[in-house]
Amino acid sequence: MRNRLRGIGQAAALTGCLARRLAVDDSRVADRRVDLDALRRFYADRGFAPLWMKPAGDGAPAFVPAAALAVAVLDDSAKDGLASATYHGEAVSGLAALPNASDDNRLAMELLLTDGVLRYARDLRAGRTAPRRISRDIAVSPPAVNPGDTALQAVESGDPATVLKALVPANPAYQGLRRALAALRQMEKAGGWPQVPALKGKTKLEPGSSDAAVPALRDRLAASGDYHGPRGKSQIYDAPLRAAVVRFQARHGLEADGVVGQNLLAEINIPVDARIAQVEANMERARWLPDDYGARHVWVNAPEYKLTAVEGGEPVFTMKVVVGTKQRRTPVLASAITSVVLNPTWTMPPRLAKEDYLPKLQKNPGYLAENGFSVYPNWNAGAKPLDARKINWKAMSPAAMSHLKLRQDPGPKNALGQIKFNIANDFDVYLHDTPSKDKFARSMRALSSGCVRLGEPMTLANFVFAETPEWGPEQRKAVLDSQKTKYVTLHRPIPVYVVYQTVWMSDDGVLNFRPDIYDRDTETLTALARAAASGAGAIRTAMTGR
């Protein structure tokens, strides 16, 4: 009975200590920053009872066995591109190792471990910063996660490792990046890869020629697994080395011509630590995606200039796409194709009209008539078309131009081609056909005004209409031949993900990189650094709407 009363007294004392400490407006515990508001909410919900400590008979309060197991998971967070120091694992272990831990030290261990688990749960599954804090043209909603429930389950289950590791995103993009990070970290541990010096007296290196940089090039490509031939000091650019260069070019999205020039050398000389940072930026974006993309979905990767249609977890086909320029970036979206327009009209966005088309009209006033445009004095529904030939385009100001509505009728010159796939979003972007087929032959295809132009639009139509059988190929052809506009609502919307992956690992283990065409990697890393500097941001019990 006496031990029981002593245990009750210890529990009450622990609860009182937590309540008094959390009432103090001090967001530092053991000289480490914590999210005081999140801790207050978490402990208030449990009556300020400790989570990781329990009364220990005649001795001081003891930590539950789950505490050490949780610390081990937090210390291993680098596997997911997270900074383990953020989660206080080492600090908790240091306090636990003190020979005569004081009550203040035990209280600090309790609060630091809870803060670390709350942060870890949020960061691992939903991301370290909100997408819109990185850029306003990112329209994805990270999965909801309740860090408080996770912390409770970690203790109550007695198996924190299983509970916490269950938060690792299961989507294919993230899992591939996790493997990529492990491979690059291993390469970094081995010393990375050597730098290749500039070519001597020439601008490019082709097979059969020689240069003093060749041995270093051979060593560099061998370090990254691209070169598998004999090493040595030969300065001849031979066939095995060319094969390695082609492999490197292909997995970096470069023209695989086997020619070594300054652009290729710049890509080759990006150090392994920079590549690791690039992977971590991509992992952050992959955390925003759901674990399940949907049985049938469309995946557009802007830096890859590629669309993939997936059914039953397997790619059905891929096609080349053209995406927005750096000035008019294609946004990042998680949405759905809801409807299709056959023989679409195209209404020119005001910004495009005044920035791109006004100069054209001032040089060629007949451009609109030649390309099937109607001009309206305003955007009102009942506005009557104007005679474009009577407008003095040379006297037109950009401000006045933006008030005009320019609509292009269906036809062979229509900017949207024969078919348009509508996506629910706030940016007025969509997938569409195009009469400018020559653009798909280019290796760099960031050329549109933000929408995604399709290399094989009718192939996508077959995929999208598979669950709307009354609009089979014959029915669609009849409408297309009529050149009359027809809107078709799909029976079942098709999930579509317009993503920004500059790194991914293919199923066969090939690590691919692409240039950061929109500087989103830089923006993401900057936002993560800012979040870390401010204490990794505020943790909310419910993550939706952060």
Protein backbone atom coordinates (compact mmCIF):
# COMPACT_ATOMS: atom_id res chain seq x y z
CA MET A 1 0.00 0.00 0.00
CA ARG A 2 2.86 2.36 0.87
CA ASN A 3 4.56 1.77 -2.53
CA ARG A 4 1.26 2.33 -4.27
CA LEU A 5 0.76 5.66 -2.50
CA ARG A 6 4.33 6.60 -3.30
CA GLY A 7 3.67 5.81 -6.97
CA ILE A 8 0.54 7.96 -6.95
CA GLY A 9 2.49 10.77 -5.36
CA GLN A 10 5.26 10.51 -7.96
CA ALA A 11 2.75 10.56 -10.81
CA ALA A 12 1.06 13.64 -9.38
CA ALA A 13 4.43 15.32 -8.95
CA LEU A 14 5.40 14.58 -12.56
CA THR A 15 2.08 15.94 -13.79
CA GLY A 16 2.50 19.10 -11.73
CA CYS A 17 6.05 19.62 -12.99
CA LEU A 18 4.92 19.34 -16.62
CA ALA A 19 2.00 21.71 -16.10
CA ARG A 20 4.19 24.32 -14.39
CA ARG A 21 6.95 24.08 -17.01
CA LEU A 22 4.58 24.39 -19.94
CA ALA A 23 2.93 27.42 -18.35
CA VAL A 24 6.23 29.28 -18.74
CA ASP A 25 6.65 31.20 -22.00
CA ASP A 26 10.04 29.71 -22.84
CA SER A 27 10.39 27.77 -26.11
CA ARG A 28 13.82 26.39 -25.23
CA VAL A 29 14.32 23.15 -23.34
CA ALA A 30 17.88 22.19 -22.37
CA ASP A 31 18.95 24.99 -24.71
CA ARG A 32 17.07 23.45 -27.66
CA ARG A 33 14.13 25.05 -29.40
CA VAL A 34 10.80 23.25 -29.12
CA ASP A 35 7.31 23.93 -30.42
CA LEU A 36 5.83 25.17 -27.14
CA ASP A 37 2.29 25.58 -28.47
CA ALA A 38 2.22 22.00 -29.80
CA LEU A 39 3.56 20.64 -26.51
CA ARG A 40 1.01 22.61 -24.52
CA ARG A 41 -1.86 21.25 -26.61
CA PHE A 42 -0.55 17.70 -26.51
CA TYR A 43 -0.04 17.57 -22.75
CA ALA A 44 -3.20 19.51 -21.92
CA ASP A 45 -5.19 16.85 -23.79
CA ARG A 46 -3.75 14.20 -21.45
CA GLY A 47 -4.05 16.22 -18.26
CA PHE A 48 -0.30 16.95 -18.30
CA ALA A 49 0.49 13.31 -17.56
CA PRO A 50 3.97 12.35 -18.81
CA LEU A 51 4.21 10.18 -21.90
CA TRP A 52 7.66 8.63 -21.61
CA MET A 53 8.14 8.44 -17.80
CA LYS A 54 6.43 6.41 -15.12
CA PRO A 55 6.79 6.14 -11.33
CA ALA A 56 9.52 3.69 -10.30
CA GLY A 57 8.78 2.47 -6.79
CA ASP A 58 11.30 3.80 -4.28
CA GLY A 59 13.51 5.38 -6.98
CA ALA A 60 13.22 8.35 -9.27
CA PRO A 61 10.74 8.24 -12.16
CA ALA A 62 11.99 5.96 -14.96
CA PHE A 63 11.59 6.11 -18.72
CA VAL A 64 9.45 3.46 -20.38
CA PRO A 65 11.34 1.01 -22.65
CA ALA A 66 9.71 2.59 -25.71
CA ALA A 67 11.66 5.81 -25.11
CA ALA A 68 15.05 4.38 -26.11
CA LEU A 69 13.47 2.67 -29.13
CA ALA A 70 11.91 5.97 -30.26
CA VAL A 71 15.24 7.77 -29.89
CA ALA A 72 16.86 5.17 -32.16
CA VAL A 73 14.29 5.88 -34.88
CA LEU A 74 14.80 9.65 -34.60
CA ASP A 75 18.57 9.21 -34.83
CA ASP A 76 18.08 7.19 -38.03
CA SER A 77 16.01 9.88 -39.76
CA ALA A 78 18.81 10.72 -42.21
CA LYS A 79 17.65 7.70 -44.24
CA ASP A 80 14.68 9.85 -45.21
CA GLY A 81 16.68 12.97 -45.95
CA LEU A 82 15.80 14.52 -42.61
CA ALA A 83 18.22 16.22 -40.20
CA SER A 84 18.35 13.99 -37.13
CA ALA A 85 19.47 16.91 -34.92
CA THR A 86 16.02 18.44 -35.43
CA TYR A 87 14.43 15.63 -33.42
CA HIS A 88 16.64 15.88 -30.31
CA GLY A 89 17.56 12.18 -30.18
CA GLU A 90 21.21 12.84 -29.37
CA ALA A 91 20.27 15.44 -26.76
CA VAL A 92 17.89 13.01 -25.03
CA SER A 93 20.55 10.30 -25.06
CA GLY A 94 23.07 12.73 -23.58
CA LEU A 95 20.77 13.66 -20.73
CA ALA A 96 19.95 10.00 -20.10
CA ALA A 97 23.66 9.19 -19.84
CA LEU A 98 24.23 11.62 -16.95
CA PRO A 99 25.15 9.65 -13.80
CA ASN A 100 22.76 11.51 -11.52
CA ALA A 101 19.97 12.93 -13.65
CA SER A 102 18.11 15.74 -11.88
CA ASP A 103 14.38 16.28 -11.99
CA ASP A 104 14.99 19.12 -14.45
CA ASN A 105 16.95 16.78 -16.71
CA ARG A 106 14.21 14.15 -16.64
CA LEU A 107 11.63 16.81 -17.45
CA ALA A 108 13.78 18.02 -20.34
CA MET A 109 14.10 14.47 -21.68
CA GLU A 110 10.32 14.04 -21.55
CA LEU A 111 9.62 17.27 -23.43
CA LEU A 112 12.42 16.92 -25.97
CA LEU A 113 11.43 13.38 -26.89
CA THR A 114 7.78 14.32 -27.33
CA ASP A 115 8.72 17.37 -29.39
CA GLY A 116 11.03 15.22 -31.52
CA VAL A 117 8.38 12.59 -32.21
CA LEU A 118 5.73 15.20 -33.06
CA ARG A 119 8.11 16.91 -35.49
CA TYR A 120 9.28 13.65 -37.01
CA ALA A 121 5.74 12.39 -37.64
CA ARG A 122 4.77 15.62 -39.40
CA ASP A 123 8.00 16.06 -41.35
CA LEU A 124 8.24 12.48 -42.56
CA ARG A 125 4.73 12.10 -43.92
CA ALA A 126 3.45 15.57 -44.76
CA GLY A 127 6.67 17.53 -45.32
CA ARG A 128 8.74 20.05 -43.43
CA THR A 129 7.06 23.09 -44.96
CA ALA A 130 3.73 23.81 -46.64
CA PRO A 131 3.81 23.68 -50.48
CA ARG A 132 2.36 27.19 -50.85
CA ARG A 133 5.17 28.57 -48.67
CA ILE A 134 7.55 27.46 -51.40
CA SER A 135 5.57 28.77 -54.36
CA ARG A 136 2.03 29.84 -55.15
CA ASP A 137 1.99 27.70 -58.30
CA ILE A 138 2.03 24.46 -56.29
CA ALA A 139 -1.48 23.09 -55.80
CA VAL A 140 -1.15 19.87 -53.84
CA SER A 141 -2.51 19.01 -50.39
CA PRO A 142 -0.13 16.92 -48.26
CA PRO A 143 -1.70 13.89 -46.57
CA ALA A 144 -3.25 14.58 -43.18
CA VAL A 145 -1.28 13.26 -40.23
CA ASN A 146 -1.96 13.51 -36.50
CA PRO A 147 1.43 13.66 -34.74
CA GLY A 148 -0.16 13.47 -31.29
CA ASP A 149 -1.93 10.20 -32.04
CA THR A 150 1.31 8.85 -33.49
CA ALA A 151 3.22 9.69 -30.30
CA LEU A 152 0.60 7.94 -28.17
CA GLN A 153 0.60 4.86 -30.38
CA ALA A 154 4.40 4.74 -30.29
CA VAL A 155 4.33 4.37 -26.50
CA GLU A 156 1.20 2.29 -26.10
CA SER A 157 2.25 -0.25 -28.72
CA GLY A 158 5.64 -0.75 -27.11
CA ASP A 159 7.04 -0.80 -30.66
CA PRO A 160 7.77 2.81 -31.68
CA ALA A 161 9.91 1.72 -34.63
CA THR A 162 6.97 0.03 -36.35
CA VAL A 163 4.58 2.90 -35.59
CA LEU A 164 6.95 5.65 -36.72
CA LYS A 165 8.32 3.86 -39.78
CA ALA A 166 4.75 3.24 -40.95
CA LEU A 167 4.71 6.98 -41.72
CA VAL A 168 7.32 6.60 -44.48
CA PRO A 169 5.47 7.54 -47.70
CA ALA A 170 4.66 4.41 -49.69
CA ASN A 171 4.20 6.10 -53.06
CA PRO A 172 6.56 4.89 -55.82
CA ALA A 173 8.21 8.29 -56.31
CA TYR A 174 9.28 8.53 -52.68
CA GLN A 175 10.41 4.93 -52.42
CA GLY A 176 12.63 5.35 -55.48
CA LEU A 177 14.14 8.53 -54.04
CA ARG A 178 14.83 6.76 -50.77
CA ARG A 179 16.88 4.17 -52.66
CA ALA A 180 18.61 6.95 -54.59
CA LEU A 181 19.56 8.74 -51.37
CA ALA A 182 21.04 5.56 -49.92
CA ALA A 183 23.10 4.97 -53.07
CA LEU A 184 24.43 8.55 -53.14
CA ARG A 185 25.22 8.53 -49.43
CA GLN A 186 27.21 5.35 -49.97
CA MET A 187 29.04 7.04 -52.83
CA GLU A 188 29.72 10.07 -50.65
CA LYS A 189 31.14 7.83 -47.93
CA ALA A 190 33.47 6.29 -50.53
CA GLY A 191 34.80 9.73 -51.41
CA GLY A 192 32.35 10.82 -54.09
CA TRP A 193 33.52 11.12 -57.66
CA PRO A 194 36.52 12.98 -59.12
CA GLN A 195 36.25 16.25 -61.01
CA VAL A 196 37.06 16.28 -64.74
CA PRO A 197 39.30 19.14 -65.90
CA ALA A 198 38.50 21.36 -68.87
CA LEU A 199 39.45 20.09 -72.32
CA LYS A 200 42.84 21.17 -73.59
CA GLY A 201 42.68 23.37 -76.67
CA LYS A 202 39.31 22.15 -77.92
CA THR A 203 35.62 22.79 -77.28
CA LYS A 204 34.41 19.19 -77.61
CA LEU A 205 35.67 15.64 -77.52
CA GLU A 206 34.47 13.05 -80.03
CA PRO A 207 35.28 9.34 -80.40
CA GLY A 208 38.75 8.69 -81.74
CA SER A 209 40.19 11.99 -80.55
CA SER A 210 42.42 12.40 -77.51
CA ASP A 211 42.75 14.77 -74.59
CA ALA A 212 44.52 14.91 -71.25
CA ALA A 213 41.10 15.00 -69.54
CA VAL A 214 40.15 11.51 -70.79
CA PRO A 215 41.63 9.49 -67.87
CA ALA A 216 39.78 11.70 -65.35
CA LEU A 217 36.59 11.37 -67.41
CA ARG A 218 36.99 7.60 -67.36
CA ASP A 219 37.50 7.57 -63.58
CA ARG A 220 34.54 9.88 -63.01
CA LEU A 221 32.14 7.75 -65.05
CA ALA A 222 33.44 4.58 -63.42
CA ALA A 223 32.70 6.08 -59.98
CA SER A 224 29.05 6.66 -60.90
CA GLY A 225 28.70 3.22 -62.49
CA ASP A 226 28.47 4.43 -66.09
CA TYR A 227 31.85 3.13 -67.27
CA HIS A 228 32.68 -0.59 -67.17
CA GLY A 229 35.74 -0.87 -69.41
CA PRO A 230 39.47 -0.97 -68.64
CA ARG A 231 40.93 1.99 -66.71
CA GLY A 232 44.53 3.13 -67.21
CA LYS A 233 46.02 6.42 -68.40
CA SER A 234 45.12 6.27 -72.10
CA GLN A 235 44.07 9.67 -73.43
CA ILE A 236 42.15 8.17 -76.39
CA TYR A 237 38.40 8.65 -76.35
CA ASP A 238 37.52 5.07 -77.28
CA ALA A 239 34.33 3.06 -77.78
CA PRO A 240 33.89 1.85 -74.14
CA LEU A 241 34.21 5.42 -72.88
CA ARG A 242 31.78 6.68 -75.50
CA ALA A 243 29.24 4.06 -74.35
CA ALA A 244 29.63 5.37 -70.80
CA VAL A 245 29.14 8.97 -71.96
CA VAL A 246 25.98 8.00 -73.85
CA ARG A 247 24.64 6.22 -70.77
CA PHE A 248 25.38 9.27 -68.62
CA GLN A 249 23.74 11.60 -71.15
CA ALA A 250 20.62 9.42 -71.37
CA ARG A 251 20.03 9.28 -67.63
CA HIS A 252 20.61 13.03 -67.31
CA GLY A 253 18.18 13.99 -70.06
CA LEU A 254 20.90 15.21 -72.43
CA GLU A 255 21.18 14.49 -76.12
CA ALA A 256 22.80 11.04 -76.16
CA ASP A 257 25.26 11.73 -78.97
CA GLY A 258 28.46 10.69 -77.21
CA VAL A 259 30.03 14.12 -77.69
CA VAL A 260 31.75 15.63 -74.67
CA GLY A 261 31.37 19.41 -74.53
CA GLN A 262 31.36 22.11 -71.87
CA ASN A 263 27.69 21.56 -70.95
CA LEU A 264 28.27 17.87 -70.38
CA LEU A 265 31.38 18.52 -68.31
CA ALA A 266 29.41 20.96 -66.15
CA GLU A 267 26.82 18.25 -65.48
CA ILE A 268 29.49 15.64 -64.81
CA ASN A 269 31.26 17.92 -62.32
CA ILE A 270 28.24 18.50 -60.10
CA PRO A 271 29.51 17.06 -56.77
CA VAL A 272 27.81 14.22 -54.95
CA ASP A 273 26.75 16.43 -52.01
CA ALA A 274 24.86 18.69 -54.42
CA ARG A 275 23.14 15.62 -55.87
CA ILE A 276 22.19 14.52 -52.36
CA ALA A 277 20.62 17.92 -51.72
CA GLN A 278 18.73 17.58 -55.00
CA VAL A 279 17.36 14.21 -53.89
CA GLU A 280 16.28 15.69 -50.56
CA ALA A 281 14.39 18.47 -52.34
CA ASN A 282 12.60 15.88 -54.47
CA MET A 283 11.80 13.78 -51.40
CA GLU A 284 10.12 16.78 -49.80
CA ARG A 285 7.85 17.18 -52.83
CA ALA A 286 7.17 13.42 -52.95
CA ARG A 287 5.89 13.57 -49.35
CA TRP A 288 3.01 15.69 -50.59
CA LEU A 289 1.72 12.88 -52.81
CA PRO A 290 -0.74 10.18 -51.72
CA ASP A 291 0.44 6.62 -51.19
CA ASP A 292 -2.03 5.44 -53.84
CA TYR A 293 -2.16 7.41 -57.09
CA GLY A 294 -5.24 5.54 -58.32
CA ALA A 295 -5.59 2.38 -60.41
CA ARG A 296 -5.75 4.46 -63.60
CA HIS A 297 -3.92 7.77 -63.61
CA VAL A 298 -1.85 10.15 -65.71
CA TRP A 299 1.61 11.27 -64.59
CA VAL A 300 3.30 14.31 -66.16
CA ASN A 301 6.86 15.09 -65.09
CA ALA A 302 7.69 18.61 -66.27
CA PRO A 303 11.54 18.44 -66.11
CA GLU A 304 11.44 15.13 -67.98
CA TYR A 305 9.07 16.51 -70.65
CA LYS A 306 7.16 13.26 -70.45
CA LEU A 307 3.65 11.94 -69.81
CA THR A 308 3.01 8.41 -68.57
CA ALA A 309 -0.39 6.71 -68.45
CA VAL A 310 -0.64 4.06 -65.73
CA GLU A 311 -3.16 1.29 -65.26
CA GLY A 312 -3.01 -1.36 -62.55
CA GLY A 313 0.31 -0.01 -61.34
CA GLU A 314 1.99 -0.51 -64.73
CA PRO A 315 2.77 2.11 -67.41
CA VAL A 316 0.57 1.66 -70.47
CA PHE A 317 2.38 4.18 -72.66
CA THR A 318 4.56 7.27 -72.49
CA MET A 319 4.75 10.31 -74.72
CA LYS A 320 6.75 13.48 -75.14
CA VAL A 321 5.23 16.72 -73.88
CA VAL A 322 5.99 20.42 -74.10
CA VAL A 323 5.70 22.34 -70.82
CA GLY A 324 5.82 25.98 -69.75
CA THR A 325 8.81 28.25 -70.02
CA LYS A 326 10.76 29.37 -66.99
CA GLN A 327 8.82 32.65 -67.08
CA ARG A 328 5.45 30.83 -67.40
CA ARG A 329 5.97 27.70 -65.40
CA THR A 330 3.69 24.70 -65.59
CA PRO A 331 2.28 24.43 -62.04
CA VAL A 332 2.57 21.40 -59.78
CA LEU A 333 -0.86 19.80 -59.50
CA ALA A 334 -2.64 16.82 -58.02
CA SER A 335 -6.02 16.92 -59.73
CA ALA A 336 -8.13 15.02 -62.27
CA ILE A 337 -9.15 15.10 -65.92
CA THR A 338 -12.86 15.77 -65.66
CA SER A 339 -13.90 16.45 -69.24
CA VAL A 340 -12.64 16.54 -72.82
CA VAL A 341 -13.28 19.09 -75.56
CA LEU A 342 -13.26 17.94 -79.17
CA ASN A 343 -12.47 20.69 -81.67
CA PRO A 344 -11.88 23.23 -78.90
CA THR A 345 -11.90 26.95 -79.31
CA TRP A 346 -9.02 28.83 -77.71
CA THR A 347 -9.52 32.04 -75.79
CA MET A 348 -6.21 33.85 -75.48
CA PRO A 349 -5.23 34.80 -71.91
CA PRO A 350 -4.90 38.60 -71.51
CA ARG A 351 -1.26 38.40 -70.46
CA LEU A 352 -0.39 36.42 -73.57
CA ALA A 353 -2.37 38.81 -75.76
CA LYS A 354 -0.55 41.93 -74.59
CA GLU A 355 2.93 40.44 -74.15
CA ASP A 356 3.21 38.06 -77.10
CA TYR A 357 0.51 38.78 -79.64
CA LEU A 358 0.27 42.57 -79.65
CA PRO A 359 3.79 42.86 -81.14
CA LYS A 360 2.80 40.32 -83.80
CA LEU A 361 -0.33 42.28 -84.69
CA GLN A 362 1.59 45.54 -84.90
CA LYS A 363 3.84 43.92 -87.49
CA ASN A 364 1.08 41.98 -89.26
CA PRO A 365 -2.44 43.38 -88.67
CA GLY A 366 -3.90 40.49 -90.70
CA TYR A 367 -2.56 37.83 -88.32
CA LEU A 368 -5.88 37.27 -86.51
CA ALA A 369 -7.91 36.79 -89.66
CA GLU A 370 -5.26 34.49 -91.12
CA ASN A 371 -5.38 32.28 -88.04
CA GLY A 372 -9.12 32.10 -87.42
CA PHE A 373 -9.49 34.55 -84.51
CA SER A 374 -12.58 36.53 -83.56
CA VAL A 375 -12.08 39.77 -81.61
CA TYR A 376 -14.54 41.02 -78.96
CA PRO A 377 -14.46 44.45 -77.30
CA ASN A 378 -14.69 42.97 -73.79
CA TRP A 379 -15.23 39.71 -71.89
CA ASN A 380 -18.99 40.08 -71.44
CA ALA A 381 -21.10 37.11 -72.54
CA GLY A 382 -23.17 39.11 -75.04
CA ALA A 383 -20.31 41.06 -76.63
CA LYS A 384 -20.47 41.36 -80.43
CA PRO A 385 -17.36 40.63 -82.50
CA LEU A 386 -15.34 43.49 -83.95
CA ASP A 387 -13.86 43.81 -87.42
CA ALA A 388 -10.19 43.17 -86.65
CA ARG A 389 -9.17 44.84 -89.93
CA LYS A 390 -10.48 48.19 -88.69
CA ILE A 391 -8.52 48.17 -85.42
CA ASN A 392 -5.41 50.36 -85.32
CA TRP A 393 -3.10 47.80 -83.73
CA LYS A 394 -0.07 50.09 -83.91
CA ALA A 395 -1.83 52.56 -81.62
CA MET A 396 -3.04 49.81 -79.26
CA SER A 397 -1.52 49.94 -75.75
CA PRO A 398 -0.85 46.78 -73.70
CA ALA A 399 -3.46 47.91 -71.16
CA ALA A 400 -6.11 48.33 -73.84
CA MET A 401 -5.13 45.02 -75.41
CA SER A 402 -5.79 43.16 -72.19
CA HIS A 403 -9.44 44.30 -72.28
CA LEU A 404 -10.04 42.65 -75.66
CA LYS A 405 -11.17 39.05 -75.89
CA LEU A 406 -9.50 37.05 -78.66
CA ARG A 407 -11.00 33.66 -79.48
CA GLN A 408 -9.64 31.22 -82.03
CA ASP A 409 -12.16 29.00 -83.79
CA PRO A 410 -11.62 25.25 -84.33
CA GLY A 411 -9.44 24.38 -87.30
CA PRO A 412 -6.00 23.23 -88.36
CA LYS A 413 -4.32 26.36 -86.96
CA ASN A 414 -6.03 26.29 -83.57
CA ALA A 415 -3.43 26.50 -80.80
CA LEU A 416 -5.12 23.63 -78.92
CA GLY A 417 -5.25 21.35 -81.94
CA GLN A 418 -8.15 18.92 -82.15
CA ILE A 419 -8.55 17.93 -78.51
CA LYS A 420 -8.24 19.42 -75.05
CA PHE A 421 -8.27 17.58 -71.70
CA ASN A 422 -9.66 19.73 -68.90
CA ILE A 423 -8.04 19.50 -65.46
CA ALA A 424 -9.66 20.97 -62.35
CA ASN A 425 -7.28 23.73 -61.17
CA ASP A 426 -7.04 27.45 -60.44
CA PHE A 427 -4.31 28.18 -63.01
CA ASP A 428 -6.33 27.61 -66.21
CA VAL A 429 -3.90 24.97 -67.42
CA TYR A 430 -4.81 21.76 -69.23
CA LEU A 431 -3.43 19.07 -71.51
CA HIS A 432 -3.94 19.62 -75.23
CA ASP A 433 -3.05 18.84 -78.81
CA THR A 434 -1.02 21.35 -80.82
CA PRO A 435 -0.38 22.14 -84.49
CA SER A 436 3.28 22.85 -83.65
CA LYS A 437 4.53 19.27 -83.94
CA ASP A 438 8.13 20.29 -84.66
CA LYS A 439 8.68 21.25 -81.00
CA PHE A 440 8.63 17.60 -79.92
CA ALA A 441 11.87 16.89 -81.78
CA ARG A 442 13.78 19.16 -79.38
CA SER A 443 15.51 17.82 -76.27
CA MET A 444 14.63 20.96 -74.25
CA ARG A 445 10.87 21.42 -74.41
CA ALA A 446 10.06 24.15 -71.85
CA LEU A 447 8.37 26.20 -74.57
CA SER A 448 4.67 26.69 -73.76
CA SER A 449 2.79 29.32 -71.80
CA GLY A 450 2.10 26.92 -68.93
CA CYS A 451 -0.23 24.29 -70.39
CA VAL A 452 1.01 20.84 -71.37
CA ARG A 453 1.15 20.10 -75.11
CA LEU A 454 0.85 16.44 -76.00
CA GLY A 455 2.99 14.59 -78.52
CA GLU A 456 0.31 11.89 -79.07
CA PRO A 457 -3.03 13.36 -77.99
CA MET A 458 -5.21 10.68 -79.59
CA THR A 459 -3.35 7.96 -77.71
CA LEU A 460 -4.23 9.73 -74.48
CA ALA A 461 -7.83 10.07 -75.72
CA ASN A 462 -8.10 6.28 -76.08
CA PHE A 463 -6.91 5.88 -72.49
CA VAL A 464 -9.14 8.61 -71.04
CA PHE A 465 -12.30 7.47 -72.88
CA ALA A 466 -11.85 3.79 -71.97
CA GLU A 467 -14.50 4.15 -69.25
CA THR A 468 -16.77 6.33 -71.40
CA PRO A 469 -17.48 3.73 -74.14
CA GLU A 470 -20.16 5.73 -75.96
CA TRP A 471 -17.34 8.00 -77.10
CA GLY A 472 -15.20 5.45 -78.88
CA PRO A 473 -12.79 6.23 -81.75
CA GLU A 474 -15.51 6.26 -84.45
CA GLN A 475 -17.77 8.64 -82.54
CA ARG A 476 -14.85 10.95 -81.79
CA LYS A 477 -13.69 10.91 -85.40
CA ALA A 478 -17.13 11.92 -86.63
CA VAL A 479 -17.12 14.98 -84.38
CA LEU A 480 -13.53 15.88 -85.20
CA ASP A 481 -14.27 15.71 -88.93
CA SER A 482 -17.23 18.07 -88.45
CA GLN A 483 -14.96 20.72 -86.86
CA LYS A 484 -17.79 21.49 -84.45
CA THR A 485 -16.95 21.92 -80.77
CA LYS A 486 -18.18 19.18 -78.45
CA TYR A 487 -17.75 18.98 -74.65
CA VAL A 488 -17.73 15.48 -73.14
CA THR A 489 -17.91 14.89 -69.39
CA LEU A 490 -16.13 11.72 -68.31
CA HIS A 491 -18.10 9.11 -66.37
CA ARG A 492 -15.17 8.80 -63.99
CA PRO A 493 -12.51 11.53 -63.61
CA ILE A 494 -8.95 10.35 -64.25
CA PRO A 495 -6.45 11.34 -61.53
CA VAL A 496 -3.63 13.40 -63.00
CA TYR A 497 -0.39 14.41 -61.32
CA VAL A 498 1.68 17.18 -62.83
CA VAL A 499 4.87 16.81 -60.84
CA TYR A 500 8.38 18.23 -60.71
CA GLN A 501 10.86 15.38 -60.38
CA THR A 502 14.44 16.24 -61.23
CA VAL A 503 15.62 12.95 -59.71
CA TRP A 504 14.18 9.46 -59.75
CA MET A 505 15.36 5.88 -59.63
CA SER A 506 13.85 3.56 -62.21
CA ASP A 507 12.63 0.07 -61.34
CA ASP A 508 15.85 -1.40 -62.74
CA GLY A 509 17.96 0.74 -60.39
CA VAL A 510 19.08 3.44 -62.85
CA LEU A 511 19.46 6.83 -61.16
CA ASN A 512 18.12 9.62 -63.38
CA PHE A 513 18.62 13.37 -63.10
CA ARG A 514 17.16 16.30 -65.00
CA PRO A 515 18.06 20.01 -65.02
CA ASP A 516 16.19 22.20 -62.53
CA ILE A 517 14.44 24.09 -65.34
CA TYR A 518 12.21 26.16 -63.03
CA ASP A 519 14.60 26.46 -60.04
CA ARG A 520 12.10 24.54 -57.91
CA ASP A 521 14.87 22.50 -56.30
CA THR A 522 16.55 25.72 -55.24
CA GLU A 523 13.25 27.13 -53.97
CA THR A 524 12.51 23.96 -52.02
CA LEU A 525 15.93 23.81 -50.38
CA THR A 526 15.72 27.50 -49.49
CA ALA A 527 12.30 26.97 -47.88
CA LEU A 528 13.58 23.97 -45.92
CA ALA A 529 16.55 25.94 -44.66
CA ARG A 530 14.22 28.75 -43.62
CA ALA A 531 11.94 26.28 -41.78
CA ALA A 532 14.92 24.75 -39.98
CA ALA A 533 16.19 28.17 -38.93
CA SER A 534 12.81 29.07 -37.47
CA GLY A 535 12.52 25.83 -35.52
CA ALA A 536 11.01 23.72 -38.31
CA GLY A 537 7.75 25.62 -38.17
CA ALA A 538 4.71 25.12 -35.97
CA ILE A 539 3.38 21.60 -35.57
CA ARG A 540 -0.35 21.29 -35.71
CA THR A 541 -2.31 18.38 -34.32
CA ALA A 542 -4.28 18.21 -37.57
CA MET A 543 -2.14 18.94 -40.59
CA THR A 544 -4.90 19.70 -43.08
CA GLY A 545 -4.89 23.34 -44.17
CA ARG A 546 -1.46 24.20 -42.80
